[in-house]
Structures are given as C-alpha cells and as structure tokens.
Protein backbone atom coordinates (compact mmCIF):
# COMPACT_ATOMS: atom_id res chain seq x y z
CA MET A 1 106.06 114.40 86.36
CA PRO A 2 102.28 114.67 86.85
CA THR A 3 101.12 118.07 88.08
CA ILE A 4 98.37 118.99 90.55
CA ALA A 5 96.93 121.80 88.47
CA SER A 6 94.14 122.89 90.82
CA VAL A 7 92.20 121.89 93.92
CA ALA A 8 88.69 122.95 94.95
CA THR A 9 86.30 121.99 97.73
CA ALA A 10 82.59 122.20 98.52
CA VAL A 11 80.41 121.63 101.58
CA PRO A 12 76.64 121.20 102.11
CA PRO A 13 74.52 124.18 103.18
CA TYR A 14 73.74 122.96 106.69
CA LYS A 15 76.28 123.97 109.33
CA ILE A 16 76.23 122.75 112.92
CA SER A 17 78.33 123.83 115.87
CA GLN A 18 80.14 121.26 117.96
CA GLN A 19 78.17 122.38 120.99
CA ARG A 20 74.88 121.72 119.20
CA ALA A 21 76.12 118.29 118.10
CA ARG A 22 77.05 117.57 121.72
CA GLU A 23 73.57 118.48 122.90
CA TYR A 24 72.00 116.27 120.24
CA ALA A 25 74.19 113.30 121.17
CA GLY A 26 73.46 113.78 124.86
CA ALA A 27 69.73 113.72 124.24
CA ILE A 28 69.71 110.50 122.20
CA PHE A 29 72.34 108.55 124.15
CA ALA A 30 71.20 109.44 127.67
CA GLU A 31 68.82 106.46 127.94
CA ASP A 32 71.42 103.89 126.88
CA ILE A 33 74.74 105.07 128.32
CA GLN A 34 74.98 105.48 132.05
CA ASP A 35 76.74 108.68 133.12
CA VAL A 36 76.60 109.92 129.50
CA GLU A 37 78.04 113.32 130.46
CA ARG A 38 81.36 111.68 131.15
CA TYR A 39 81.48 110.29 127.62
CA LEU A 40 80.27 113.51 126.03
CA THR A 41 83.63 115.10 126.90
CA VAL A 42 84.86 113.51 123.65
CA PHE A 43 83.08 116.42 121.91
CA ASP A 44 85.00 118.93 124.04
CA HIS A 45 88.39 117.36 123.32
CA ALA A 46 87.89 116.85 119.57
CA GLU A 47 89.29 120.32 118.70
CA ILE A 48 86.34 120.87 116.35
CA ASN A 49 84.23 124.03 116.30
CA SER A 50 81.83 123.24 113.46
CA ARG A 51 80.90 120.75 110.77
CA TYR A 52 78.58 120.53 107.77
CA LEU A 53 75.58 118.23 107.34
CA SER A 54 73.91 116.93 104.19
CA ALA A 55 70.46 117.39 105.71
CA PRO A 56 68.88 119.94 108.04
CA GLU A 57 68.85 119.16 111.77
CA GLU A 58 65.18 118.16 111.63
CA TRP A 59 66.06 115.24 109.37
CA PHE A 60 68.32 113.79 112.05
CA LEU A 61 65.68 114.39 114.75
CA GLN A 62 62.98 112.31 113.04
CA PRO A 63 61.73 109.68 115.51
CA GLY A 64 63.04 106.24 114.60
CA GLY A 65 65.60 107.64 112.20
CA HIS A 66 65.71 106.74 108.51
CA THR A 67 66.02 103.59 106.46
CA PHE A 68 69.20 102.90 104.55
CA GLY A 69 67.30 103.54 101.32
CA GLU A 70 66.17 106.98 102.47
CA ALA A 71 69.66 107.94 103.56
CA ASN A 72 71.22 106.61 100.37
CA ASP A 73 68.76 108.52 98.17
CA ARG A 74 69.83 111.71 99.94
CA PHE A 75 73.46 110.68 99.48
CA ILE A 76 73.07 110.35 95.71
CA ASP A 77 71.34 113.71 95.41
CA MET A 78 73.76 115.68 97.60
CA ALA A 79 76.87 113.89 96.33
CA CYS A 80 76.00 114.87 92.77
CA ARG A 81 75.44 118.48 93.82
CA LEU A 82 78.64 118.79 95.82
CA GLY A 83 80.72 116.80 93.33
CA GLU A 84 79.54 119.02 90.49
CA ALA A 85 80.21 122.21 92.49
CA ALA A 86 83.74 121.17 93.46
CA ALA A 87 84.53 119.96 89.93
CA ARG A 88 83.30 123.15 88.27
CA GLN A 89 85.33 125.32 90.62
CA CYS A 90 88.42 123.16 90.12
CA LEU A 91 88.16 123.37 86.34
CA ALA A 92 87.50 127.13 86.43
CA GLN A 93 90.61 127.71 88.52
CA ALA A 94 92.72 125.94 85.90
CA GLY A 95 90.92 127.56 82.96
CA ILE A 96 89.97 124.13 81.64
CA ALA A 97 86.67 123.11 80.02
CA ALA A 98 84.97 119.90 81.11
CA GLN A 99 85.35 118.53 77.56
CA GLN A 100 89.14 118.66 77.99
CA ILE A 101 89.11 116.01 80.72
CA ASP A 102 90.16 112.55 79.56
CA HIS A 103 89.49 110.55 82.70
CA LEU A 104 87.20 111.06 85.72
CA ILE A 105 87.89 109.22 88.98
CA PHE A 106 85.18 109.28 91.64
CA VAL A 107 85.90 108.32 95.25
CA SER A 108 83.47 107.72 98.12
CA THR A 109 82.77 105.21 100.87
CA THR A 110 79.62 106.71 102.42
CA GLY A 111 76.96 105.76 99.89
CA LEU A 112 76.15 103.46 96.98
CA ALA A 113 74.97 104.04 93.43
CA ALA A 114 74.74 102.07 90.19
CA PRO A 115 75.35 103.63 87.73
CA SER A 116 78.19 104.99 89.86
CA LEU A 117 78.28 108.72 90.44
CA ASP A 118 81.08 109.32 87.96
CA ALA A 119 78.58 108.52 85.19
CA ARG A 120 76.15 111.06 86.61
CA LEU A 121 78.88 113.70 86.98
CA ILE A 122 79.99 113.26 83.36
CA THR A 123 76.44 114.15 82.32
CA LEU A 124 76.05 117.02 84.81
CA LEU A 125 79.38 118.58 83.81
CA GLY A 126 78.80 118.15 80.08
CA MET A 127 81.95 116.10 79.60
CA ASP A 128 82.77 114.22 76.42
CA ARG A 129 80.84 110.96 76.13
CA HIS A 130 84.10 109.08 75.56
CA THR A 131 85.55 110.20 78.91
CA ARG A 132 87.13 107.30 80.75
CA ARG A 133 85.79 106.80 84.26
CA THR A 134 86.80 104.90 87.37
CA PRO A 135 84.76 104.63 90.58
CA ILE A 136 86.68 103.80 93.78
CA TRP A 137 84.81 102.57 96.86
CA GLY A 138 85.94 101.16 100.21
CA LEU A 139 89.16 103.05 100.93
CA GLY A 140 87.51 105.33 103.50
CA CYS A 141 89.75 108.14 104.72
CA ALA A 142 92.57 106.81 102.53
CA GLY A 143 90.47 107.17 99.39
CA GLY A 144 91.55 110.72 98.59
CA LEU A 145 95.22 109.88 98.22
CA GLY A 146 94.34 106.45 96.81
CA GLY A 147 92.46 108.27 94.05
CA LEU A 148 95.30 110.75 93.56
CA GLU A 149 97.70 107.83 93.11
CA ARG A 150 95.50 106.31 90.41
CA ALA A 151 95.17 109.73 88.71
CA GLN A 152 98.92 110.28 88.56
CA GLU A 153 99.48 106.75 87.28
CA TYR A 154 97.02 107.43 84.48
CA VAL A 155 98.68 110.65 83.30
CA ARG A 156 102.12 109.06 83.55
CA ALA A 157 100.85 106.47 81.07
CA TYR A 158 99.11 109.16 78.98
CA PRO A 159 101.24 112.30 79.47
CA THR A 160 99.11 114.43 77.11
CA HIS A 161 95.96 113.75 79.16
CA ARG A 162 94.16 115.35 82.09
CA CYS A 163 92.48 113.43 84.91
CA LEU A 164 89.85 114.90 87.23
CA LEU A 165 89.57 113.32 90.68
CA VAL A 166 86.35 113.97 92.61
CA THR A 167 85.86 112.73 96.15
CA VAL A 168 82.61 113.12 98.09
CA GLU A 169 81.99 111.87 101.61
CA LEU A 170 78.67 112.41 103.38
CA CYS A 171 79.58 110.77 106.67
CA THR A 172 76.65 112.13 108.67
CA LEU A 173 74.16 110.29 106.44
CA THR A 174 75.59 106.97 107.61
CA MET A 175 74.52 107.60 111.21
CA GLN A 176 72.94 104.53 112.78
CA PHE A 177 70.06 105.87 114.86
CA GLY A 178 69.62 102.58 116.69
CA ASP A 179 73.30 102.14 117.51
CA ARG A 180 73.83 103.56 121.00
CA SER A 181 77.39 102.27 121.34
CA LYS A 182 80.29 104.40 122.52
CA ARG A 183 82.00 104.07 119.14
CA ASN A 184 78.95 105.62 117.47
CA LEU A 185 79.10 108.44 120.00
CA VAL A 186 82.74 109.04 119.07
CA ALA A 187 81.80 109.08 115.37
CA LEU A 188 79.12 111.69 116.09
CA SER A 189 81.76 113.89 117.70
CA LEU A 190 84.12 113.75 114.74
CA PHE A 191 82.69 113.32 111.25
CA GLY A 192 81.29 115.87 108.82
CA ASP A 193 80.41 116.11 105.13
CA GLY A 194 82.36 117.58 102.22
CA ALA A 195 83.67 117.18 98.68
CA ALA A 196 86.87 117.95 96.84
CA ALA A 197 88.08 117.95 93.24
CA VAL A 198 91.68 117.74 92.04
CA LEU A 199 92.88 118.25 88.46
CA VAL A 200 95.97 116.19 87.59
CA GLU A 201 97.79 116.89 84.32
CA GLY A 202 100.37 114.90 82.40
CA ASP A 203 103.68 116.60 81.66
CA GLN A 204 102.95 116.91 77.95
CA VAL A 205 99.55 118.65 78.01
CA ALA A 206 99.19 121.43 75.42
CA LYS A 207 98.90 124.23 78.00
CA PRO A 208 100.24 122.98 81.33
CA THR A 209 99.04 124.64 84.52
CA ALA A 210 101.39 125.68 87.30
CA GLY A 211 101.15 123.59 90.45
CA PRO A 212 103.10 121.12 92.59
CA ARG A 213 104.38 118.01 90.88
CA ILE A 214 103.75 114.49 92.14
CA VAL A 215 107.16 112.87 92.61
CA ASP A 216 106.13 109.49 93.98
CA THR A 217 103.49 107.59 95.97
CA ARG A 218 103.42 104.60 98.28
CA SER A 219 100.73 102.34 99.77
CA THR A 220 101.11 100.29 102.94
CA LEU A 221 98.79 97.63 104.35
CA PHE A 222 99.27 96.58 107.98
CA PRO A 223 98.78 92.86 108.66
CA ASP A 224 96.11 91.63 111.10
CA SER A 225 94.47 95.05 111.40
CA LEU A 226 91.12 94.65 109.64
CA ASP A 227 89.23 95.48 112.84
CA LEU A 228 90.76 98.95 113.27
CA MET A 229 88.59 100.97 110.87
CA GLY A 230 85.77 100.55 108.39
CA TRP A 231 82.10 99.60 108.21
CA ASP A 232 80.03 96.68 109.38
CA ILE A 233 77.30 96.35 106.74
CA VAL A 234 74.03 95.89 108.64
CA ASN A 235 70.33 96.00 107.74
CA ASP A 236 70.17 99.75 108.36
CA GLY A 237 73.30 100.60 106.36
CA PHE A 238 76.86 101.27 107.52
CA ARG A 239 77.79 100.80 111.18
CA VAL A 240 81.10 102.42 112.02
CA VAL A 241 84.18 100.42 113.04
CA PHE A 242 86.53 102.76 114.85
CA GLY A 243 89.36 101.22 116.88
CA THR A 244 90.93 102.97 119.85
CA ARG A 245 94.41 101.81 118.74
CA ILE A 246 94.53 104.04 115.66
CA PRO A 247 96.59 106.88 117.21
CA SER A 248 99.08 104.43 118.71
CA VAL A 249 99.58 102.75 115.32
CA VAL A 250 100.39 106.17 113.82
CA THR A 251 102.74 107.00 116.69
CA HIS A 252 104.65 103.73 116.47
CA HIS A 253 104.77 103.22 112.70
CA TYR A 254 104.59 106.56 110.88
CA ALA A 255 108.23 107.58 111.37
CA GLU A 256 109.38 104.28 109.88
CA LEU A 257 106.93 104.55 106.95
CA ALA A 258 107.94 108.11 106.14
CA THR A 259 111.66 107.42 106.52
CA GLU A 260 111.58 104.36 104.25
CA PHE A 261 109.54 106.15 101.60
CA LEU A 262 111.70 109.28 101.56
CA ALA A 263 114.90 107.22 101.48
CA LEU A 264 113.86 106.03 98.01
CA HIS A 265 114.60 109.61 96.93
CA ALA A 266 117.67 110.14 99.13
CA LEU A 267 115.60 112.27 101.49
CA LYS A 268 114.95 112.28 105.23
CA PRO A 269 111.93 113.59 107.18
CA ALA A 270 114.00 116.67 108.05
CA ASP A 271 114.17 117.50 104.31
CA ILE A 272 110.38 117.92 104.10
CA ASP A 273 109.19 121.53 104.06
CA HIS A 274 105.44 120.91 104.31
CA HIS A 275 103.46 118.20 106.09
CA ILE A 276 100.05 117.83 104.44
CA TYR A 277 98.28 115.33 106.66
CA HIS A 278 94.72 114.11 106.90
CA PRO A 279 93.36 115.31 110.27
CA GLY A 280 91.66 112.09 111.27
CA GLY A 281 91.22 113.56 114.73
CA ALA A 282 93.07 115.55 117.35
CA LYS A 283 94.76 112.42 118.71
CA VAL A 284 95.93 111.41 115.24
CA LEU A 285 97.49 114.84 114.68
CA ARG A 286 99.29 114.57 117.99
CA ALA A 287 100.48 111.12 116.93
CA TYR A 288 102.00 112.57 113.73
CA ASP A 289 103.69 115.19 115.88
CA ALA A 290 105.11 112.61 118.25
CA ALA A 291 106.30 110.35 115.44
CA LEU A 292 108.38 112.98 113.63
CA GLN A 293 108.90 115.65 116.31
CA LEU A 294 107.45 118.29 114.01
CA ALA A 295 107.77 122.06 114.36
CA PRO A 296 104.96 123.64 116.43
CA ASP A 297 103.26 125.15 113.35
CA ALA A 298 103.82 122.24 110.95
CA LEU A 299 100.24 120.98 111.21
CA ASP A 300 98.47 124.36 111.44
CA HIS A 301 96.56 123.83 108.19
CA SER A 302 95.49 120.32 109.22
CA ARG A 303 94.31 121.62 112.58
CA ALA A 304 92.40 124.49 110.94
CA VAL A 305 90.54 122.07 108.65
CA LEU A 306 89.69 119.80 111.58
CA ARG A 307 88.46 122.80 113.56
CA ASP A 308 86.22 124.18 110.81
CA TYR A 309 84.98 120.99 109.11
CA GLY A 310 85.71 117.92 111.23
CA ASN A 311 86.81 114.67 109.59
CA MET A 312 85.28 114.39 106.10
CA SER A 313 86.96 111.07 105.35
CA SER A 314 88.64 110.93 101.92
CA ALA A 315 87.95 114.56 100.97
CA THR A 316 89.64 116.05 104.04
CA VAL A 317 93.28 115.86 102.94
CA PHE A 318 92.44 118.00 99.91
CA PHE A 319 90.90 120.68 102.14
CA VAL A 320 94.33 120.75 103.79
CA LEU A 321 96.18 120.86 100.46
CA GLU A 322 93.86 123.62 99.26
CA ARG A 323 94.86 125.76 102.26
CA PHE A 324 98.55 125.25 101.47
CA LEU A 325 97.97 126.34 97.86
CA GLN A 326 95.72 129.30 98.77
CA HIS A 327 98.33 130.63 101.18
CA GLY A 328 101.10 130.23 98.61
CA THR A 329 103.03 128.17 101.11
CA ILE A 330 104.58 125.69 98.65
CA LYS A 331 107.40 127.49 96.83
CA ARG A 332 109.52 126.33 93.90
CA GLY A 333 111.69 123.42 95.01
CA ASP A 334 109.81 122.90 98.28
CA ARG A 335 109.01 119.33 99.16
CA GLY A 336 105.69 118.30 100.68
CA LEU A 337 104.67 114.99 102.19
CA MET A 338 101.01 114.02 102.12
CA CYS A 339 99.73 111.22 104.35
CA VAL A 340 96.49 109.55 105.35
CA PHE A 341 95.58 106.38 107.24
CA GLY A 342 92.45 104.41 106.43
CA PRO A 343 90.66 101.06 106.49
CA GLY A 344 92.77 98.01 105.90
CA PHE A 345 94.42 99.22 108.18
CA SER A 346 96.45 101.12 105.61
CA ALA A 347 98.50 104.22 104.87
CA GLU A 348 98.93 106.25 101.71
CA LEU A 349 101.90 108.58 101.16
CA VAL A 350 102.46 111.10 98.38
CA LEU A 351 105.63 113.14 97.84
CA ILE A 352 105.12 116.42 96.00
CA GLU A 353 107.47 119.20 94.91
CA GLY A 354 106.73 122.88 94.25
CA ARG A 355 107.56 124.36 90.86
C-alpha cells in the first residue's frame, strides 16, 4: 500500500487575531450593512483565535483595495515561498533529497499561474528536470485529499516511486473589497492562509519511510448542488460562493457516506480510531459530531487547527494530520478516516492505517 512518509506545513509571517479581524470587518461593512454589529457575532462564534495573512494589514487597508492582477502577483510570490518551505521541511523529515522525487502534484484554488507553480517549485527545490508534474485547480477545500488520492494512485502504478504533494491556499488574497455582502463577511470571519506538503511513497521504494498507509479512497459528487460552494469569477477576481446549507448536508449525508465507504472493507464507523477531518468551520465540526455521535475528544485536533489557523481550504486537513503524527496518536494497526467537503458539492474520503 502507498505510505504517507511525512507531512509538513508552513504559514505566512503576518498573524492577525480574530478580534482584530472583527474590528476590520466592522469598519468596512458598517456603511453597507444595517445593524452590522449583529452580523459581526459570526466572528465571535467561529471558534477561531488567530489566522495568518499573506500581506501585512496595511495592504488590506489600502483605499479602493487591489486589482486582481496585484493580488495574483502577490499570490504567486507567496505561494512559491510557502510551497518551497513546506516541501523542504517535508523532505527533510523523511531524509529524502529533492532529486529523489518522481512526481510533484501542486494543488491550489486561490490564485492562477502559467507556467503553473509546480514548474516553479521544481526549479526552486532543485528537483530533477524529468520530474513528472500535475497541477490541480478548482477543488477548493477538497483539493488536499483530492491531491492525496492522485498521489496514491500514482505510486500504486509505480510502486518504486515517490510523489510529493504540495498544497497552497492564500484565501485572504481573494478578498473582494467592493463586495459588502453577508457571505463575504462570513468569509472574512473564517479563512486564513497556509501551505502543506505530503510525501507519498510506493511500497517498493529502496528505503521506505515509516508512516500510515493509505488503504483506500472515495470521491462523492452531490447532484444539483453547484451553488453551495465555490467562486464566481468576476472582474476583480474570485467572489466567494458560500451556502448556508453546508452544515446540514454534512449532518444528513456524512454518516451514510462513511458507512458505505467503510463497508467496502468490512468496517463500521465504530471501528475507526481516529477522525481526521477538515475543519471547514465550527458548524461543520458539530455536523460531523452529530452525524456519527463521536467521542467528546474525537475532533480535538481539528478544533485546535481551526482555533489557531482558521480555514485554509485544501491545506487545512494536512495541518490536522500533522498534529496526529506529531502527537504519535496513530499506532500500529489503528485506523483513521480522513474527510473533507468542497465545491461540487463534493466529499473526499481517505482510509488510512498505522504501521
């Protein structure tokens, strides 16, 4: 089976408290939303203490905001920096040189670049010029596990190879300064910036690294749900689409999804030792809880990542997995279930096993 050899993360240098973000939102939305204080309580209930930004506060305070081109230029620069930092740390943890990577997968949905950023990262990391590369765009929050699924498929086909997955999401750079809608206010209360790198090895590599094995994966697309999550592409860039029904979809459908997936391996939700879930928001975590009636501490790592970083889209689930691995929580024979929901509306599930 493919092995998750190492996981590493990186964040930008600019940290902002939730209280400061609340003050900022109140100042810019006060003219357009009547009784704005009532809506600002979304910041108080988000269960977030801090997040990281890809630009200093002054950049976001510039009158009139920024053009899409200006924001995207900053995205390319910071995404390369964070992607390189996460990748180098991930490789160092596994004791692997960049030249030993056979395939690089790059995931993001918060900026655009051609050549895609995988090409830039191959140069920055000093990887072999024959390294295969695959950019993935448009999966949003689901992109992390979507990328992991493609990585494990690759090393199943080439069991002597290694695949490096890098995901970078700079959500704050997509802010629409002229969009004074309530959904944009909710986005301001929730999203932050971050990057993650995951090394996936085939089961015949010369010197395999210890780590959980990927047993199986599954993708699900919900019909008639395109309006739940994603972007509207407008003149100024990406305008957030963020449906209020997302938590209810998780509550009503996750138990069935998990049960059907696990049944393929003669397992039930009760057989899962570790729940490694993308913290899309406090309501989404409560929806997971309600769907499977989880133990009180089952989502502690997900809640800690939400508290310290906010929702970093596709990178976030790997911040959660990193905490599991750092704490030595996943023992030999333990089973873990990874899950994330994203645009489509869709769900990605990954079953892992400690070894």
